[in-house]
């Protein structure tokens, strides 16, 4: 019995060390990604966002989708304002995150890009619409997710709050999750990940759309 307990404790200890190592690897990757992004201008972010929206507009990615979940960009993220405007122009029902208090996973329907209001320097703008529960994302056929890095297996590096990993637990099984990142952030090496991290089905950059190994179907017209 004592030897069994010792082996169990040793296994738990190794798991703890491994978890800490992955967390450290993630943090180093975030710092490196943000350092590169810090050199980008607002004009570059908007130009990339326009290219992103055009790529979506001229593909069949959202053709059959009635509801699309996206996000409101901030800082040195590729601007999603052109994409949001494109989705609305295509008569899509657009869900965007509503952060609420603490780590609340909430959504809101975006009806007009111009009417969103600022929530502070460290939070994205939000629509002035009703708060919707986490389960609301089940209505989305396509979900655009911000990423600091993503690899060919769909491992995604976020900012560390795990908001999207929690939010995506409520998605429908057939939803296409699309990581949005800068071209150089779609990496050939492995992005560090943990069990709770939700893998992406596709990667969208201003230069390309890539469907990853997945059971999801997509018409690449």
C-alpha atoms as a PDB file:
ATOM      1  CA  UNK A   1       0.000   0.000   0.000  1.00  0.00           C
ATOM      2  CA  UNK A   2       2.763   2.408   0.913  1.00  0.00           C
ATOM      3  CA  UNK A   3       4.575   1.791  -2.377  1.00  0.00           C
ATOM      4  CA  UNK A   4       1.327   2.316  -4.299  1.00  0.00           C
ATOM      5  CA  UNK A   5       0.766   5.650  -2.549  1.00  0.00           C
ATOM      6  CA  UNK A   6       4.337   6.650  -3.278  1.00  0.00           C
ATOM      7  CA  UNK A   7       3.911   5.856  -6.990  1.00  0.00           C
ATOM      8  CA  UNK A   8       0.653   7.804  -7.061  1.00  0.00           C
ATOM      9  CA  UNK A   9       2.247  10.799  -5.366  1.00  0.00           C
ATOM     10  CA  UNK A  10       5.141  10.637  -7.823  1.00  0.00           C
ATOM     11  CA  UNK A  11       2.702  10.630 -10.768  1.00  0.00           C
ATOM     12  CA  UNK A  12       0.805  13.614  -9.354  1.00  0.00           C
ATOM     13  CA  UNK A  13       4.080  15.425  -8.796  1.00  0.00           C
ATOM     14  CA  UNK A  14       5.182  14.857 -12.392  1.00  0.00           C
ATOM     15  CA  UNK A  15       1.806  16.048 -13.717  1.00  0.00           C
ATOM     16  CA  UNK A  16       2.094  19.210 -11.642  1.00  0.00           C
ATOM     17  CA  UNK A  17       5.608  19.915 -12.941  1.00  0.00           C
ATOM     18  CA  UNK A  18       4.500  19.275 -16.524  1.00  0.00           C
ATOM     19  CA  UNK A  19       1.508  21.594 -16.137  1.00  0.00           C
ATOM     20  CA  UNK A  20       3.726  24.353 -14.760  1.00  0.00           C
ATOM     21  CA  UNK A  21       6.131  23.862 -17.666  1.00  0.00           C
ATOM     22  CA  UNK A  22       3.381  24.196 -20.265  1.00  0.00           C
ATOM     23  CA  UNK A  23       2.066  27.312 -18.531  1.00  0.00           C
ATOM     24  CA  UNK A  24       5.554  28.806 -18.586  1.00  0.00           C
ATOM     25  CA  UNK A  25       5.969  27.912 -22.265  1.00  0.00           C
ATOM     26  CA  UNK A  26       2.643  29.571 -23.040  1.00  0.00           C
ATOM     27  CA  UNK A  27       3.608  32.747 -21.203  1.00  0.00           C
ATOM     28  CA  UNK A  28       6.927  32.974 -23.052  1.00  0.00           C
ATOM     29  CA  UNK A  29       5.093  32.517 -26.354  1.00  0.00           C
ATOM     30  CA  UNK A  30       2.613  35.265 -25.439  1.00  0.00           C
ATOM     31  CA  UNK A  31       5.399  37.680 -24.545  1.00  0.00           C
ATOM     32  CA  UNK A  32       7.179  36.958 -27.828  1.00  0.00           C
ATOM     33  CA  UNK A  33       3.988  37.391 -29.886  1.00  0.00           C
ATOM     34  CA  UNK A  34       3.029  40.643 -28.180  1.00  0.00           C
ATOM     35  CA  UNK A  35       6.562  42.009 -28.622  1.00  0.00           C
ATOM     36  CA  UNK A  36       6.253  41.581 -32.387  1.00  0.00           C
ATOM     37  CA  UNK A  37       2.741  43.011 -32.397  1.00  0.00           C
ATOM     38  CA  UNK A  38       3.866  46.084 -30.452  1.00  0.00           C
ATOM     39  CA  UNK A  39       5.613  47.325 -33.599  1.00  0.00           C
ATOM     40  CA  UNK A  40       2.370  47.390 -35.597  1.00  0.00           C
ATOM     41  CA  UNK A  41       0.478  50.602 -36.260  1.00  0.00           C
ATOM     42  CA  UNK A  42      -3.263  51.189 -36.147  1.00  0.00           C
ATOM     43  CA  UNK A  43      -3.162  51.701 -39.911  1.00  0.00           C
ATOM     44  CA  UNK A  44      -1.583  48.272 -40.424  1.00  0.00           C
ATOM     45  CA  UNK A  45      -4.214  46.640 -38.207  1.00  0.00           C
ATOM     46  CA  UNK A  46      -7.031  48.275 -40.162  1.00  0.00           C
ATOM     47  CA  UNK A  47      -5.487  47.441 -43.538  1.00  0.00           C
ATOM     48  CA  UNK A  48      -5.105  43.806 -42.469  1.00  0.00           C
ATOM     49  CA  UNK A  49      -8.695  43.831 -41.231  1.00  0.00           C
ATOM     50  CA  UNK A  50      -9.933  45.028 -44.603  1.00  0.00           C
ATOM     51  CA  UNK A  51      -8.033  42.212 -46.327  1.00  0.00           C
ATOM     52  CA  UNK A  52      -9.485  39.756 -43.822  1.00  0.00           C
ATOM     53  CA  UNK A  53     -13.035  40.906 -44.492  1.00  0.00           C
ATOM     54  CA  UNK A  54     -12.505  40.737 -48.262  1.00  0.00           C
ATOM     55  CA  UNK A  55     -11.201  37.186 -47.943  1.00  0.00           C
ATOM     56  CA  UNK A  56     -14.336  36.175 -46.029  1.00  0.00           C
ATOM     57  CA  UNK A  57     -16.593  38.079 -48.419  1.00  0.00           C
ATOM     58  CA  UNK A  58     -15.196  36.293 -51.480  1.00  0.00           C
ATOM     59  CA  UNK A  59     -15.329  32.806 -49.991  1.00  0.00           C
ATOM     60  CA  UNK A  60     -18.172  30.477 -49.065  1.00  0.00           C
ATOM     61  CA  UNK A  61     -17.142  30.488 -45.409  1.00  0.00           C
ATOM     62  CA  UNK A  62     -20.274  32.277 -44.189  1.00  0.00           C
ATOM     63  CA  UNK A  63     -22.597  31.645 -47.127  1.00  0.00           C
ATOM     64  CA  UNK A  64     -24.898  29.175 -45.393  1.00  0.00           C
ATOM     65  CA  UNK A  65     -24.481  30.552 -41.867  1.00  0.00           C
ATOM     66  CA  UNK A  66     -27.400  32.410 -40.331  1.00  0.00           C
ATOM     67  CA  UNK A  67     -25.627  33.233 -37.061  1.00  0.00           C
ATOM     68  CA  UNK A  68     -21.925  34.001 -36.735  1.00  0.00           C
ATOM     69  CA  UNK A  69     -20.025  34.584 -33.497  1.00  0.00           C
ATOM     70  CA  UNK A  70     -17.140  37.014 -33.834  1.00  0.00           C
ATOM     71  CA  UNK A  71     -15.295  39.444 -31.584  1.00  0.00           C
ATOM     72  CA  UNK A  72     -14.466  43.135 -31.363  1.00  0.00           C
ATOM     73  CA  UNK A  73     -10.748  43.657 -31.880  1.00  0.00           C
ATOM     74  CA  UNK A  74      -8.594  45.863 -29.723  1.00  0.00           C
ATOM     75  CA  UNK A  75      -4.961  46.959 -29.536  1.00  0.00           C
ATOM     76  CA  UNK A  76      -2.694  45.274 -32.065  1.00  0.00           C
ATOM     77  CA  UNK A  77      -5.159  42.585 -33.048  1.00  0.00           C
ATOM     78  CA  UNK A  78      -6.147  42.558 -36.709  1.00  0.00           C
ATOM     79  CA  UNK A  79      -9.093  44.929 -36.864  1.00  0.00           C
ATOM     80  CA  UNK A  80     -12.358  43.011 -37.010  1.00  0.00           C
ATOM     81  CA  UNK A  81     -14.446  46.124 -37.643  1.00  0.00           C
ATOM     82  CA  UNK A  82     -14.436  45.557 -41.441  1.00  0.00           C
ATOM     83  CA  UNK A  83     -15.368  41.903 -40.859  1.00  0.00           C
ATOM     84  CA  UNK A  84     -18.207  42.829 -38.501  1.00  0.00           C
ATOM     85  CA  UNK A  85     -19.513  45.348 -41.016  1.00  0.00           C
ATOM     86  CA  UNK A  86     -19.329  42.695 -43.766  1.00  0.00           C
ATOM     87  CA  UNK A  87     -21.250  40.173 -41.665  1.00  0.00           C
ATOM     88  CA  UNK A  88     -23.986  42.710 -40.961  1.00  0.00           C
ATOM     89  CA  UNK A  89     -24.142  43.707 -44.642  1.00  0.00           C
ATOM     90  CA  UNK A  90     -24.771  40.033 -45.437  1.00  0.00           C
ATOM     91  CA  UNK A  91     -27.750  40.033 -43.044  1.00  0.00           C
ATOM     92  CA  UNK A  92     -26.058  37.684 -40.574  1.00  0.00           C
ATOM     93  CA  UNK A  93     -27.032  37.563 -36.924  1.00  0.00           C
ATOM     94  CA  UNK A  94     -23.752  38.499 -35.247  1.00  0.00           C
ATOM     95  CA  UNK A  95     -22.871  37.556 -31.677  1.00  0.00           C
ATOM     96  CA  UNK A  96     -19.968  39.238 -29.893  1.00  0.00           C
ATOM     97  CA  UNK A  97     -18.610  38.713 -26.369  1.00  0.00           C
ATOM     98  CA  UNK A  98     -20.046  40.617 -23.445  1.00  0.00           C
ATOM     99  CA  UNK A  99     -17.554  40.316 -20.614  1.00  0.00           C
ATOM    100  CA  UNK A 100     -19.875  41.208 -17.751  1.00  0.00           C
ATOM    101  CA  UNK A 101     -18.445  41.001 -14.243  1.00  0.00           C
ATOM    102  CA  UNK A 102     -15.338  38.954 -13.555  1.00  0.00           C
ATOM    103  CA  UNK A 103     -15.063  35.947 -15.862  1.00  0.00           C
ATOM    104  CA  UNK A 104     -18.706  35.850 -16.929  1.00  0.00           C
ATOM    105  CA  UNK A 105     -19.109  34.244 -20.351  1.00  0.00           C
ATOM    106  CA  UNK A 106     -21.875  36.278 -21.972  1.00  0.00           C
ATOM    107  CA  UNK A 107     -22.825  37.370 -25.484  1.00  0.00           C
ATOM    108  CA  UNK A 108     -24.682  40.189 -27.166  1.00  0.00           C
ATOM    109  CA  UNK A 109     -26.216  40.650 -30.607  1.00  0.00           C
ATOM    110  CA  UNK A 110     -24.399  43.268 -32.668  1.00  0.00           C
ATOM    111  CA  UNK A 111     -26.814  45.406 -34.662  1.00  0.00           C
ATOM    112  CA  UNK A 112     -24.614  48.341 -35.653  1.00  0.00           C
ATOM    113  CA  UNK A 113     -20.820  48.686 -35.516  1.00  0.00           C
ATOM    114  CA  UNK A 114     -21.137  52.450 -35.022  1.00  0.00           C
ATOM    115  CA  UNK A 115     -23.240  52.213 -31.859  1.00  0.00           C
ATOM    116  CA  UNK A 116     -20.843  50.143 -29.749  1.00  0.00           C
ATOM    117  CA  UNK A 117     -19.550  51.802 -26.608  1.00  0.00           C
ATOM    118  CA  UNK A 118     -16.157  51.743 -24.919  1.00  0.00           C
ATOM    119  CA  UNK A 119     -15.752  49.597 -21.813  1.00  0.00           C
ATOM    120  CA  UNK A 120     -12.314  50.879 -20.782  1.00  0.00           C
ATOM    121  CA  UNK A 121      -8.775  50.755 -22.151  1.00  0.00           C
ATOM    122  CA  UNK A 122      -8.287  47.064 -21.411  1.00  0.00           C
ATOM    123  CA  UNK A 123     -11.638  45.813 -22.669  1.00  0.00           C
ATOM    124  CA  UNK A 124     -13.151  45.664 -26.160  1.00  0.00           C
ATOM    125  CA  UNK A 125     -16.121  47.750 -27.204  1.00  0.00           C
ATOM    126  CA  UNK A 126     -19.549  46.202 -26.710  1.00  0.00           C
ATOM    127  CA  UNK A 127     -22.989  46.661 -28.272  1.00  0.00           C
ATOM    128  CA  UNK A 128     -25.775  48.278 -26.275  1.00  0.00           C
ATOM    129  CA  UNK A 129     -27.980  45.206 -26.492  1.00  0.00           C
ATOM    130  CA  UNK A 130     -29.300  42.650 -24.025  1.00  0.00           C
ATOM    131  CA  UNK A 131     -26.924  40.291 -22.260  1.00  0.00           C
ATOM    132  CA  UNK A 132     -27.284  36.745 -23.534  1.00  0.00           C
ATOM    133  CA  UNK A 133     -26.269  33.577 -21.627  1.00  0.00           C
ATOM    134  CA  UNK A 134     -23.291  31.347 -22.537  1.00  0.00           C
ATOM    135  CA  UNK A 135     -25.576  28.873 -24.319  1.00  0.00           C
ATOM    136  CA  UNK A 136     -26.426  31.517 -26.928  1.00  0.00           C
ATOM    137  CA  UNK A 137     -23.323  30.590 -28.915  1.00  0.00           C
ATOM    138  CA  UNK A 138     -25.025  27.289 -29.769  1.00  0.00           C
ATOM    139  CA  UNK A 139     -26.826  29.199 -32.501  1.00  0.00           C
ATOM    140  CA  UNK A 140     -23.588  30.070 -34.315  1.00  0.00           C
ATOM    141  CA  UNK A 141     -22.528  27.985 -37.304  1.00  0.00           C
ATOM    142  CA  UNK A 142     -19.171  29.803 -37.603  1.00  0.00           C
ATOM    143  CA  UNK A 143     -17.166  31.181 -34.666  1.00  0.00           C
ATOM    144  CA  UNK A 144     -14.229  33.549 -35.190  1.00  0.00           C
ATOM    145  CA  UNK A 145     -11.743  33.374 -32.319  1.00  0.00           C
ATOM    146  CA  UNK A 146      -8.723  35.651 -31.671  1.00  0.00           C
ATOM    147  CA  UNK A 147      -5.330  33.956 -31.452  1.00  0.00           C
ATOM    148  CA  UNK A 148      -1.764  34.952 -30.656  1.00  0.00           C
ATOM    149  CA  UNK A 149      -0.572  31.752 -32.322  1.00  0.00           C
ATOM    150  CA  UNK A 150      -2.036  28.586 -33.815  1.00  0.00           C
ATOM    151  CA  UNK A 151      -0.466  25.464 -35.294  1.00  0.00           C
ATOM    152  CA  UNK A 152      -1.502  22.957 -37.957  1.00  0.00           C
ATOM    153  CA  UNK A 153      -3.166  20.744 -35.333  1.00  0.00           C
ATOM    154  CA  UNK A 154      -5.419  23.587 -34.238  1.00  0.00           C
ATOM    155  CA  UNK A 155      -3.683  24.298 -30.944  1.00  0.00           C
ATOM    156  CA  UNK A 156      -4.403  27.938 -30.167  1.00  0.00           C
ATOM    157  CA  UNK A 157      -2.572  30.381 -27.924  1.00  0.00           C
ATOM    158  CA  UNK A 158      -4.845  32.943 -26.292  1.00  0.00           C
ATOM    159  CA  UNK A 159      -4.141  35.687 -23.801  1.00  0.00           C
ATOM    160  CA  UNK A 160      -4.332  33.366 -20.814  1.00  0.00           C
ATOM    161  CA  UNK A 161      -7.752  34.082 -19.337  1.00  0.00           C
ATOM    162  CA  UNK A 162      -9.298  30.942 -20.909  1.00  0.00           C
ATOM    163  CA  UNK A 163     -12.466  32.950 -21.689  1.00  0.00           C
ATOM    164  CA  UNK A 164     -12.859  31.418 -25.138  1.00  0.00           C
ATOM    165  CA  UNK A 165     -12.049  27.913 -23.967  1.00  0.00           C
ATOM    166  CA  UNK A 166     -14.935  28.215 -21.520  1.00  0.00           C
ATOM    167  CA  UNK A 167     -17.212  29.925 -24.038  1.00  0.00           C
ATOM    168  CA  UNK A 168     -16.575  27.279 -26.699  1.00  0.00           C
ATOM    169  CA  UNK A 169     -17.713  24.453 -24.436  1.00  0.00           C
ATOM    170  CA  UNK A 170     -21.230  25.693 -25.251  1.00  0.00           C
ATOM    171  CA  UNK A 171     -20.815  25.621 -29.055  1.00  0.00           C
ATOM    172  CA  UNK A 172     -22.744  23.220 -31.259  1.00  0.00           C
ATOM    173  CA  UNK A 173     -20.764  20.174 -32.393  1.00  0.00           C
ATOM    174  CA  UNK A 174     -20.964  21.166 -36.053  1.00  0.00           C
ATOM    175  CA  UNK A 175     -19.793  24.760 -35.548  1.00  0.00           C
ATOM    176  CA  UNK A 176     -16.642  25.750 -37.443  1.00  0.00           C
ATOM    177  CA  UNK A 177     -14.165  27.428 -35.081  1.00  0.00           C
ATOM    178  CA  UNK A 178     -11.834  29.768 -36.953  1.00  0.00           C
ATOM    179  CA  UNK A 179      -8.682  31.180 -35.340  1.00  0.00           C
ATOM    180  CA  UNK A 180      -7.874  34.699 -36.562  1.00  0.00           C
ATOM    181  CA  UNK A 181      -4.241  35.764 -36.432  1.00  0.00           C
ATOM    182  CA  UNK A 182      -1.428  37.507 -38.269  1.00  0.00           C
ATOM    183  CA  UNK A 183       0.205  35.404 -41.019  1.00  0.00           C
ATOM    184  CA  UNK A 184       3.423  34.807 -39.040  1.00  0.00           C
ATOM    185  CA  UNK A 185       1.391  33.585 -36.063  1.00  0.00           C
ATOM    186  CA  UNK A 186       0.195  30.524 -38.005  1.00  0.00           C
ATOM    187  CA  UNK A 187       3.156  28.450 -36.910  1.00  0.00           C
ATOM    188  CA  UNK A 188       4.839  25.331 -38.270  1.00  0.00           C
ATOM    189  CA  UNK A 189       6.061  24.356 -34.796  1.00  0.00           C
ATOM    190  CA  UNK A 190       3.782  23.077 -32.036  1.00  0.00           C
ATOM    191  CA  UNK A 191       1.905  25.623 -29.930  1.00  0.00           C
ATOM    192  CA  UNK A 192       1.933  24.591 -26.234  1.00  0.00           C
ATOM    193  CA  UNK A 193      -1.477  23.412 -25.082  1.00  0.00           C
ATOM    194  CA  UNK A 194      -3.343  21.889 -22.138  1.00  0.00           C
ATOM    195  CA  UNK A 195      -6.307  19.559 -21.830  1.00  0.00           C
ATOM    196  CA  UNK A 196      -8.830  22.399 -21.442  1.00  0.00           C
ATOM    197  CA  UNK A 197      -7.674  24.185 -24.617  1.00  0.00           C
ATOM    198  CA  UNK A 198     -10.197  23.944 -27.464  1.00  0.00           C
ATOM    199  CA  UNK A 199      -8.651  23.109 -30.812  1.00  0.00           C
ATOM    200  CA  UNK A 200      -9.510  25.210 -33.838  1.00  0.00           C
ATOM    201  CA  UNK A 201     -10.965  23.844 -37.068  1.00  0.00           C
ATOM    202  CA  UNK A 202      -9.465  26.495 -39.338  1.00  0.00           C
ATOM    203  CA  UNK A 203      -7.092  29.463 -39.454  1.00  0.00           C
ATOM    204  CA  UNK A 204      -7.855  32.803 -41.088  1.00  0.00           C
ATOM    205  CA  UNK A 205      -5.224  35.451 -41.789  1.00  0.00           C
ATOM    206  CA  UNK A 206      -5.322  38.476 -44.126  1.00  0.00           C
ATOM    207  CA  UNK A 207      -3.435  36.318 -46.632  1.00  0.00           C
ATOM    208  CA  UNK A 208      -5.078  32.901 -46.402  1.00  0.00           C
ATOM    209  CA  UNK A 209      -7.785  30.615 -45.088  1.00  0.00           C
ATOM    210  CA  UNK A 210      -6.692  27.121 -44.054  1.00  0.00           C
ATOM    211  CA  UNK A 211      -9.006  24.301 -43.066  1.00  0.00           C
ATOM    212  CA  UNK A 212      -7.218  22.080 -40.569  1.00  0.00           C
ATOM    213  CA  UNK A 213      -7.535  18.335 -40.031  1.00  0.00           C
ATOM    214  CA  UNK A 214     -11.103  18.067 -38.824  1.00  0.00           C
ATOM    215  CA  UNK A 215     -14.372  16.226 -39.216  1.00  0.00           C
ATOM    216  CA  UNK A 216     -15.962  19.510 -40.248  1.00  0.00           C
ATOM    217  CA  UNK A 217     -16.905  19.982 -43.897  1.00  0.00           C
ATOM    218  CA  UNK A 218     -16.339  23.207 -45.801  1.00  0.00           C
ATOM    219  CA  UNK A 219     -16.784  24.179 -49.426  1.00  0.00           C
ATOM    220  CA  UNK A 220     -13.584  25.980 -50.461  1.00  0.00           C
ATOM    221  CA  UNK A 221     -15.025  27.710 -53.528  1.00  0.00           C
END
